[in-house]
Protein backbone atom coordinates (compact mmCIF):
# COMPACT_ATOMS: atom_id res chain seq x y z
CA MET A 1 -150.65 -56.54 -22.13
CA ASN A 2 -149.85 -57.77 -26.12
CA LYS A 3 -152.65 -59.17 -28.09
CA ASN A 4 -151.61 -62.59 -27.77
CA LYS A 5 -151.07 -62.73 -24.17
CA GLY A 6 -154.42 -60.57 -23.72
CA ASN A 7 -156.41 -63.50 -26.10
CA VAL A 8 -154.91 -66.46 -23.70
CA PHE A 9 -156.27 -64.47 -20.64
CA ALA A 10 -159.62 -63.43 -22.26
CA ILE A 11 -160.22 -67.15 -23.14
CA ALA A 12 -159.46 -68.32 -19.91
CA ILE A 13 -162.16 -66.01 -18.49
CA CYS A 14 -164.46 -67.12 -21.10
CA PHE A 15 -164.08 -70.83 -20.11
CA PHE A 16 -164.95 -69.72 -16.24
CA LEU A 17 -167.82 -67.25 -17.55
CA PHE A 18 -169.09 -70.78 -19.25
CA ALA A 19 -169.00 -72.14 -16.05
CA MET A 20 -170.34 -69.39 -13.97
CA ILE A 21 -173.64 -69.42 -16.33
CA SER A 22 -174.45 -72.60 -15.20
CA PHE A 23 -173.10 -71.79 -11.37
CA VAL A 24 -175.46 -69.26 -10.77
CA THR A 25 -178.29 -70.32 -12.63
CA GLY A 26 -178.11 -73.75 -10.81
CA LEU A 27 -178.26 -71.95 -7.40
CA GLN A 28 -181.55 -71.22 -8.08
CA ASN A 29 -182.56 -74.94 -7.26
CA PRO A 30 -181.30 -75.29 -3.53
CA MET A 31 -182.30 -71.51 -3.18
CA GLY A 32 -185.83 -73.09 -3.59
CA ILE A 33 -185.30 -75.02 -0.65
CA ILE A 34 -184.13 -72.03 1.36
CA ALA A 35 -187.19 -70.35 0.26
CA LYS A 36 -189.57 -73.02 1.60
CA ALA A 37 -187.69 -73.04 4.93
CA GLN A 38 -186.62 -69.30 5.60
CA PHE A 39 -189.57 -67.70 3.57
CA GLY A 40 -192.49 -70.28 4.46
CA ALA A 41 -192.80 -70.69 0.50
CA THR A 42 -195.21 -73.07 -1.14
CA ASN A 43 -194.00 -75.35 -3.84
CA LEU A 44 -195.15 -72.96 -6.41
CA MET A 45 -193.34 -69.54 -4.59
CA SER A 46 -190.01 -71.71 -4.30
CA GLN A 47 -189.99 -71.99 -8.09
CA LEU A 48 -190.82 -68.26 -8.41
CA GLY A 49 -186.68 -67.33 -7.83
CA ASN A 50 -186.09 -69.98 -10.75
CA ALA A 51 -188.63 -68.48 -12.81
CA ALA A 52 -187.59 -64.66 -12.32
CA ASN A 53 -184.06 -65.88 -13.20
CA PHE A 54 -185.48 -67.52 -16.58
CA ILE A 55 -188.25 -65.00 -17.28
CA ALA A 56 -185.23 -62.23 -17.70
CA TYR A 57 -184.37 -63.90 -20.71
CA ALA A 58 -187.58 -62.51 -22.28
CA PHE A 59 -186.87 -59.33 -21.33
CA MET A 60 -183.35 -59.11 -22.34
CA GLY A 61 -182.80 -61.65 -25.29
CA LEU A 62 -183.01 -59.54 -28.12
CA PRO A 63 -181.76 -56.09 -26.20
CA ALA A 64 -178.58 -58.43 -25.22
CA GLY A 65 -178.38 -59.29 -29.04
CA PHE A 66 -178.67 -55.43 -30.18
CA LEU A 67 -176.14 -54.36 -27.44
CA LEU A 68 -173.50 -56.81 -28.79
CA LYS A 69 -174.10 -55.72 -32.36
CA GLY A 70 -173.77 -51.98 -31.41
CA LYS A 71 -171.35 -52.41 -28.48
CA GLY A 72 -169.05 -55.52 -29.47
CA TYR A 73 -167.98 -58.22 -27.18
CA LYS A 74 -165.65 -56.57 -24.80
CA PHE A 75 -168.30 -53.87 -23.65
CA SER A 76 -171.08 -56.58 -23.67
CA ALA A 77 -168.86 -59.00 -21.55
CA LEU A 78 -168.14 -56.02 -19.09
CA ALA A 79 -171.82 -55.21 -18.78
CA ALA A 80 -172.50 -58.60 -18.25
CA VAL A 81 -170.20 -59.64 -15.23
CA THR A 82 -171.09 -56.34 -13.72
CA VAL A 83 -174.93 -57.14 -13.67
CA GLY A 84 -173.98 -60.76 -12.66
CA PHE A 85 -171.95 -59.15 -9.63
CA VAL A 86 -174.93 -56.84 -8.81
CA GLY A 87 -177.36 -59.87 -9.18
CA VAL A 88 -175.58 -62.33 -6.61
CA GLY A 89 -174.67 -59.47 -4.33
CA ILE A 90 -178.77 -58.87 -4.17
CA SER A 91 -179.28 -62.47 -3.45
CA TYR A 92 -176.64 -62.18 -0.78
CA LEU A 93 -178.65 -59.22 0.71
CA SER A 94 -182.01 -61.18 0.68
CA GLY A 95 -180.19 -63.38 3.58
CA VAL A 96 -179.18 -60.28 5.47
CA PHE A 97 -182.40 -58.64 5.37
CA GLY A 98 -184.72 -61.95 5.34
CA SER A 99 -186.39 -60.72 2.67
CA TYR A 100 -188.41 -62.78 -0.05
CA ALA A 101 -188.96 -59.97 -2.24
CA ILE A 102 -185.09 -58.96 -2.41
CA TYR A 103 -184.47 -62.89 -3.09
CA LEU A 104 -186.97 -62.55 -6.13
CA LEU A 105 -185.02 -59.27 -7.40
CA GLY A 106 -181.99 -60.94 -6.97
CA ALA A 107 -182.76 -63.85 -9.06
CA PHE A 108 -184.03 -61.73 -11.75
CA VAL A 109 -180.90 -59.39 -11.96
CA SER A 110 -178.69 -62.52 -12.15
CA GLY A 111 -180.93 -63.73 -15.19
CA PHE A 112 -180.35 -60.77 -17.05
CA SER A 113 -176.65 -61.19 -16.53
CA MET A 114 -176.94 -65.11 -17.48
CA CYS A 115 -179.05 -63.97 -20.66
CA MET A 116 -176.18 -61.40 -21.35
CA LEU A 117 -173.26 -63.91 -20.91
CA ASN A 118 -175.07 -66.45 -22.96
CA THR A 119 -175.57 -64.00 -26.00
CA VAL A 120 -171.94 -62.91 -25.93
CA VAL A 121 -169.49 -65.73 -24.57
CA ASN A 122 -170.19 -68.06 -27.62
CA PRO A 123 -169.18 -65.55 -30.45
CA MET A 124 -166.42 -64.13 -28.30
CA LEU A 125 -164.77 -67.26 -27.68
CA ASN A 126 -165.15 -68.03 -31.07
CA THR A 127 -163.82 -64.83 -32.45
CA LEU A 128 -160.87 -65.22 -29.93
CA ALA A 129 -159.72 -68.82 -31.28
CA GLY A 130 -160.01 -67.42 -34.66
CA GLY A 131 -163.13 -68.99 -35.73
CA GLY A 132 -163.11 -72.20 -37.59
CA ASN A 133 -162.38 -75.74 -36.29
CA LYS A 134 -160.43 -74.04 -33.31
CA GLY A 135 -163.21 -71.85 -32.53
CA ASN A 136 -165.59 -74.86 -32.48
CA GLN A 137 -163.44 -77.15 -30.26
CA LEU A 138 -163.02 -74.28 -27.70
CA ILE A 139 -166.69 -73.75 -27.29
CA GLN A 140 -167.23 -77.58 -26.88
CA PHE A 141 -164.36 -77.70 -24.37
CA ALA A 142 -166.09 -74.51 -22.38
CA GLY A 143 -169.59 -76.60 -22.90
CA SER A 144 -168.10 -79.19 -20.66
CA LEU A 145 -167.01 -76.90 -18.09
CA ASN A 146 -170.70 -75.49 -18.23
CA SER A 147 -171.94 -78.99 -17.44
CA LEU A 148 -169.04 -79.79 -14.84
CA SER A 149 -170.21 -76.59 -12.95
CA ALA A 150 -173.72 -77.58 -12.89
CA THR A 151 -172.89 -80.89 -11.36
CA ILE A 152 -170.79 -78.89 -8.57
CA VAL A 153 -173.23 -76.48 -7.62
CA PRO A 154 -175.81 -78.62 -6.12
CA VAL A 155 -173.44 -80.86 -4.31
CA LEU A 156 -171.75 -77.84 -2.78
CA ALA A 157 -175.03 -76.11 -1.80
CA GLY A 158 -176.54 -79.23 -0.35
CA TYR A 159 -173.73 -79.87 1.76
CA LEU A 160 -173.64 -75.94 2.45
CA ILE A 161 -177.08 -76.58 3.86
CA GLY A 162 -177.09 -79.68 5.55
CA GLU A 163 -180.30 -81.05 7.19
CA VAL A 164 -183.16 -78.97 6.05
CA THR A 165 -185.03 -77.34 9.03
CA GLU A 166 -186.82 -74.28 9.87
CA LYS A 167 -183.53 -72.63 10.81
CA THR A 168 -182.23 -73.19 7.19
CA GLN A 169 -181.26 -69.76 5.43
CA VAL A 170 -179.84 -68.03 2.68
CA ALA A 171 -176.47 -67.41 4.85
CA ASP A 172 -175.83 -70.95 4.47
CA VAL A 173 -174.53 -70.58 0.94
CA ASN A 174 -172.91 -67.59 1.36
CA PRO A 175 -169.52 -69.30 0.55
CA ALA A 176 -171.10 -70.02 -2.83
CA LEU A 177 -172.53 -66.45 -3.28
CA PHE A 178 -169.12 -64.93 -2.53
CA ILE A 179 -167.12 -67.26 -4.96
CA ALA A 180 -169.63 -66.29 -7.72
CA MET A 181 -169.16 -62.42 -6.74
CA GLY A 182 -165.33 -62.96 -6.59
CA ILE A 183 -165.10 -64.65 -10.23
CA PHE A 184 -167.42 -62.10 -11.49
CA ALA A 185 -164.74 -59.08 -10.26
CA LEU A 186 -161.73 -61.09 -11.47
CA ALA A 187 -163.49 -61.53 -14.73
CA PHE A 188 -164.14 -57.69 -15.10
CA VAL A 189 -160.66 -56.92 -14.48
CA ILE A 190 -159.15 -59.42 -16.88
CA ILE A 191 -161.44 -58.63 -19.70
CA PHE A 192 -161.06 -54.92 -19.24
CA PHE A 193 -157.13 -55.29 -19.60
CA SER A 194 -157.37 -57.85 -22.52
CA TYR A 195 -157.30 -57.41 -26.10
CA ILE A 196 -160.51 -58.39 -27.96
CA PRO A 197 -161.02 -58.58 -31.61
CA GLU A 198 -163.98 -56.56 -32.67
CA PRO A 199 -164.40 -58.01 -36.36
CA GLU A 200 -167.73 -57.10 -36.67
CA LEU A 201 -167.81 -53.47 -35.48
CA GLU A 202 -164.76 -52.99 -37.74
CA ALA A 203 -166.52 -54.07 -40.73
CA ALA A 204 -169.57 -51.93 -39.95
CA ALA A 205 -167.32 -48.97 -39.54
CA ALA A 206 -165.77 -49.70 -43.08
CA ALA A 207 -168.54 -50.60 -44.63
CA PRO A 208 -170.82 -48.16 -46.70
CA ALA A 209 -174.09 -47.11 -45.31
CA VAL A 210 -176.84 -49.42 -46.99
CA GLU A 211 -180.36 -49.89 -46.36
CA LYS A 212 -181.05 -52.86 -44.30
CA GLU A 213 -184.04 -54.78 -43.34
CA SER A 214 -186.12 -53.51 -40.41
CA THR A 215 -185.85 -55.80 -37.07
CA MET A 216 -189.64 -56.56 -37.43
CA ALA A 217 -189.45 -57.42 -40.78
CA SER A 218 -186.61 -59.88 -39.96
CA ILE A 219 -188.71 -61.27 -37.31
CA LYS A 220 -191.55 -61.85 -39.24
CA GLY A 221 -189.55 -63.29 -41.98
CA ALA A 222 -187.99 -66.12 -39.80
CA LEU A 223 -191.37 -66.98 -38.48
CA SER A 224 -192.73 -67.54 -41.77
CA TYR A 225 -190.75 -70.74 -41.57
CA ARG A 226 -192.90 -73.45 -39.88
CA ASN A 227 -190.44 -75.45 -38.72
CA LEU A 228 -188.87 -72.28 -36.57
CA VAL A 229 -192.15 -71.53 -34.89
CA PHE A 230 -192.44 -75.24 -33.67
CA GLY A 231 -188.93 -75.31 -32.85
CA VAL A 232 -189.13 -72.08 -30.51
CA ILE A 233 -191.92 -73.81 -28.73
CA ALA A 234 -190.03 -76.91 -28.36
CA ILE A 235 -187.03 -74.94 -27.09
CA PHE A 236 -189.07 -73.09 -24.69
CA LEU A 237 -190.58 -76.60 -23.44
CA TYR A 238 -187.06 -78.00 -23.48
CA VAL A 239 -185.47 -75.63 -20.82
CA GLY A 240 -188.51 -76.03 -18.75
CA ILE A 241 -187.94 -79.81 -18.83
CA GLU A 242 -184.44 -79.64 -18.11
CA VAL A 243 -184.68 -77.32 -15.18
CA GLY A 244 -187.89 -78.95 -13.71
CA VAL A 245 -186.78 -82.51 -13.76
CA PRO A 246 -184.01 -81.86 -11.06
CA ASN A 247 -185.96 -78.94 -9.17
CA VAL A 248 -188.94 -80.67 -8.26
CA ALA A 249 -187.04 -84.18 -7.70
CA ASN A 250 -184.74 -81.69 -5.10
CA LEU A 251 -187.84 -80.60 -3.15
CA TYR A 252 -189.65 -84.01 -3.43
CA MET A 253 -186.43 -85.38 -1.95
CA THR A 254 -185.44 -82.91 1.00
CA SER A 255 -189.22 -82.01 1.80
CA ALA A 256 -191.13 -83.32 5.00
CA ASP A 257 -193.82 -84.14 2.81
CA GLY A 258 -191.78 -85.76 0.28
CA LEU A 259 -188.80 -88.30 1.23
CA GLY A 260 -187.22 -86.10 3.97
CA MET A 261 -183.59 -86.79 2.78
CA ALA A 262 -180.80 -84.84 3.79
CA ALA A 263 -179.95 -81.99 1.54
CA GLY A 264 -176.53 -83.26 0.89
CA VAL A 265 -177.72 -86.65 -0.02
CA ALA A 266 -180.26 -84.89 -2.52
CA GLY A 267 -177.98 -82.33 -3.81
CA THR A 268 -175.67 -85.12 -4.84
CA LEU A 269 -178.17 -87.12 -6.44
CA VAL A 270 -179.39 -83.86 -8.50
CA GLY A 271 -175.51 -83.21 -9.14
CA ALA A 272 -175.60 -87.04 -10.95
CA TYR A 273 -178.45 -85.58 -13.06
CA TRP A 274 -176.12 -82.62 -14.32
CA PHE A 275 -173.15 -84.96 -14.87
CA LEU A 276 -175.04 -87.65 -16.82
CA MET A 277 -175.91 -84.35 -19.07
CA LEU A 278 -172.06 -83.78 -19.44
CA ILE A 279 -171.50 -87.66 -20.55
CA GLY A 280 -174.60 -87.29 -22.69
CA ARG A 281 -173.09 -84.24 -24.41
CA LEU A 282 -169.75 -85.88 -24.72
CA ILE A 283 -171.59 -88.92 -26.37
CA GLY A 284 -173.67 -86.81 -28.53
CA GLY A 285 -170.54 -84.96 -30.09
CA VAL A 286 -169.48 -88.44 -31.05
CA LEU A 287 -172.57 -89.48 -32.65
CA GLY A 288 -173.70 -86.34 -33.85
CA GLY A 289 -171.86 -86.92 -37.31
CA LYS A 290 -173.46 -90.26 -37.91
CA VAL A 291 -177.03 -89.62 -36.49
CA SER A 292 -179.76 -87.14 -37.78
CA SER A 293 -180.98 -84.50 -35.27
CA ARG A 294 -184.36 -85.70 -36.24
CA ALA A 295 -183.54 -89.32 -35.24
CA MET A 296 -181.74 -88.20 -32.01
CA ILE A 297 -184.21 -85.93 -30.83
CA MET A 298 -186.91 -88.55 -30.97
CA ALA A 299 -185.03 -91.27 -29.39
CA VAL A 300 -184.00 -89.01 -26.40
CA SER A 301 -187.26 -87.54 -25.86
CA ALA A 302 -188.88 -91.34 -25.98
CA ALA A 303 -186.44 -92.34 -23.55
CA ALA A 304 -187.07 -89.57 -21.07
CA ILE A 305 -190.83 -90.52 -21.24
CA VAL A 306 -190.06 -93.76 -20.16
CA PHE A 307 -187.70 -92.80 -17.61
CA LEU A 308 -190.08 -90.28 -15.84
CA LEU A 309 -193.08 -92.78 -15.97
CA PHE A 310 -191.01 -95.36 -14.17
CA GLY A 311 -189.74 -92.46 -11.57
CA MET A 312 -193.64 -92.07 -11.25
CA PHE A 313 -195.02 -95.15 -10.81
CA LEU A 314 -192.24 -97.37 -9.30
CA PRO A 315 -193.09 -97.76 -5.47
CA GLU A 316 -191.23 -95.62 -3.04
CA THR A 317 -190.21 -98.92 -0.95
CA LEU A 318 -188.29 -100.06 -3.79
CA VAL A 319 -185.01 -98.68 -2.78
CA ILE A 320 -180.89 -99.01 -2.99
CA GLY A 321 -178.61 -98.20 -0.35
CA MET A 322 -176.24 -95.51 -1.48
CA LEU A 323 -174.64 -92.21 -0.34
CA GLY A 324 -175.47 -93.61 3.38
CA ALA A 325 -179.21 -93.50 2.74
CA GLN A 326 -182.06 -95.68 1.24
CA VAL A 327 -182.63 -94.03 -2.40
CA PRO A 328 -185.89 -95.06 -4.25
CA VAL A 329 -185.03 -96.69 -7.60
CA SER A 330 -187.66 -94.04 -9.04
CA ILE A 331 -185.35 -91.20 -8.07
CA LEU A 332 -182.46 -92.94 -10.10
CA PHE A 333 -184.62 -93.18 -13.07
CA ILE A 334 -185.87 -89.23 -12.89
CA VAL A 335 -181.69 -88.90 -12.73
CA LEU A 336 -181.44 -90.35 -15.63
CA CYS A 337 -183.21 -87.84 -17.83
CA GLY A 338 -180.11 -86.04 -17.69
CA LEU A 339 -178.51 -88.22 -20.79
CA CYS A 340 -181.85 -87.27 -22.59
CA THR A 341 -181.72 -83.53 -22.07
CA SER A 342 -178.19 -83.35 -22.62
CA VAL A 343 -178.43 -83.25 -26.59
CA MET A 344 -182.05 -81.70 -27.03
CA TRP A 345 -180.83 -77.79 -27.40
CA GLY A 346 -178.43 -78.55 -30.27
CA ALA A 347 -180.83 -81.08 -31.95
CA ILE A 348 -183.70 -78.85 -31.69
CA PHE A 349 -181.47 -75.59 -32.90
CA ASN A 350 -180.16 -77.41 -35.69
CA LEU A 351 -183.88 -78.51 -36.82
CA ALA A 352 -185.51 -75.05 -36.21
CA VAL A 353 -183.22 -73.21 -38.05
CA GLU A 354 -182.86 -75.57 -41.20
CA GLY A 355 -183.17 -73.58 -44.27
CA LEU A 356 -183.79 -70.33 -42.97
CA GLY A 357 -180.59 -68.46 -44.42
CA LYS A 358 -180.15 -64.99 -43.61
CA TYR A 359 -182.68 -65.37 -41.16
CA THR A 360 -180.29 -67.84 -38.93
CA SER A 361 -179.20 -65.01 -36.60
CA ILE A 362 -182.63 -63.48 -35.76
CA ALA A 363 -183.44 -66.85 -34.95
CA SER A 364 -181.23 -67.24 -32.57
CA GLY A 365 -182.19 -64.43 -30.73
CA LEU A 366 -185.73 -65.45 -30.47
CA PHE A 367 -184.18 -68.90 -28.93
CA MET A 368 -182.85 -66.99 -26.30
CA VAL A 369 -185.71 -65.05 -25.45
CA MET A 370 -187.51 -68.52 -25.50
CA VAL A 371 -185.10 -70.08 -22.65
CA CYS A 372 -187.89 -68.18 -20.23
CA GLY A 373 -189.24 -71.63 -20.46
CA GLY A 374 -186.98 -72.90 -17.71
CA GLY A 375 -188.87 -70.69 -15.29
CA ILE A 376 -192.39 -70.96 -16.69
CA VAL A 377 -192.67 -74.67 -17.20
CA PRO A 378 -191.36 -75.61 -13.40
CA LEU A 379 -193.55 -72.78 -12.24
CA VAL A 380 -196.61 -74.79 -13.49
CA GLN A 381 -195.05 -77.92 -12.39
CA GLY A 382 -194.55 -76.28 -8.88
CA LEU A 383 -198.49 -75.31 -8.94
CA VAL A 384 -199.30 -79.34 -9.72
CA ALA A 385 -197.18 -80.27 -7.23
CA ASP A 386 -198.86 -78.44 -4.65
CA ILE A 387 -202.08 -79.46 -5.75
CA ALA A 388 -201.78 -82.94 -6.68
CA GLY A 389 -198.15 -83.96 -5.32
CA TYR A 390 -194.52 -84.17 -6.39
CA LEU A 391 -194.46 -87.12 -8.58
CA PRO A 392 -197.88 -86.48 -10.39
CA SER A 393 -196.43 -83.09 -11.51
CA TYR A 394 -194.26 -84.80 -13.68
CA TRP A 395 -197.20 -85.13 -15.98
CA VAL A 396 -196.53 -81.68 -17.17
CA LEU A 397 -192.86 -82.81 -18.16
CA VAL A 398 -194.42 -85.74 -19.90
CA ALA A 399 -196.79 -83.65 -21.98
CA SER A 400 -193.94 -81.37 -22.97
CA LEU A 401 -191.65 -84.32 -23.75
CA ALA A 402 -194.29 -85.60 -26.24
CA PHE A 403 -194.80 -82.48 -28.02
CA ILE A 404 -190.87 -82.41 -28.36
CA PHE A 405 -191.06 -86.21 -29.90
CA TRP A 406 -193.83 -84.68 -32.31
CA PHE A 407 -191.55 -81.90 -33.33
CA GLY A 408 -188.84 -84.17 -34.33
CA LEU A 409 -191.30 -86.38 -36.35
CA SER A 410 -193.10 -83.73 -38.30
CA GLY A 411 -193.04 -80.44 -36.86
CA SER A 412 -189.37 -79.85 -37.77
CA LYS A 413 -189.85 -80.20 -41.57
CA VAL A 414 -188.77 -77.51 -43.63
CA LYS A 415 -191.92 -75.52 -45.24
CA LYS A 416 -192.54 -71.75 -45.45
CA ALA A 417 -195.98 -70.40 -44.64
């Protein structure tokens, strides 16, 4: 296979891998509903699969970066899709054996893969495109596929599950699991036979050996910047908000002690949340050159607080007919948070790494570790939901959004300790 043709195939598979990151991650949302039905899990336990998926980032974030640095794009990508295939396969086996423990293991192994993919596909796609504007353009297109996939998975899983009963089980979503495993297997074959440039490995091999700053010294140097310290906290909370908003909404809509809606209708509404994130990212891309990251993060965090308060306090009896069901208007306000969460990652990252210079790359690794907030914050929210109820649990996210607003207002100011 010649280099140009190999690059085209590799670029195409990178697009699929961008989509797979959100597809496999998004499966943990409907899997939480299944865990309640098949395994008798509480709201807290139903979020443990999601937590395992994201906590894997805390273990794998920095090692994935070191693997990429030492072995290059191709080896790292092949390792990531292999781990992804195994993780989804374990999730399938959890249904075969009816084991909650195997379900959690599958979510954890899948999280390793998602972390590895996140670490490798962005720089790999940029390199395949030749860097510059073309690289940025391809990454933006790939990011749109990520959002599109996140929109599709809850809808697909919701209709596969249908009505949530005591007979609901993992086997209901086997078609989605088989699709994921098939794409991972195809990705392995295409990447294996594709030419992928390795400029960093080539440069390292050609460069003379010089004394480098140790990893711990680099981390310490990066954390000497106040805006990065508060930034990694903000990103931890942000990922938890992004995941917690739809996860608990799905539980609230489908549970017998909640609204008792059909999983298909609830999945469509959750899908709308991710679709609004896609719309928000497109709008954010247009406005990004005209509006500062500080103004953007303050505006969207304040708007998200308002939306959640409406969602929490509007009466359930205020409904609108849609999707063949009576949907509370309060749910629509919760769904609208997708417009706000869409631009938070980029804005927080931009503010957090401002002025870091040579420490920017290590800061990126720290950010990847803090993605584990997507598992921990919803876990806390699930616990509050067990104690106080679904809607009161959103106070956890309101408090998190308040911190992000403060980060934009004050905590993001560049200052070295």
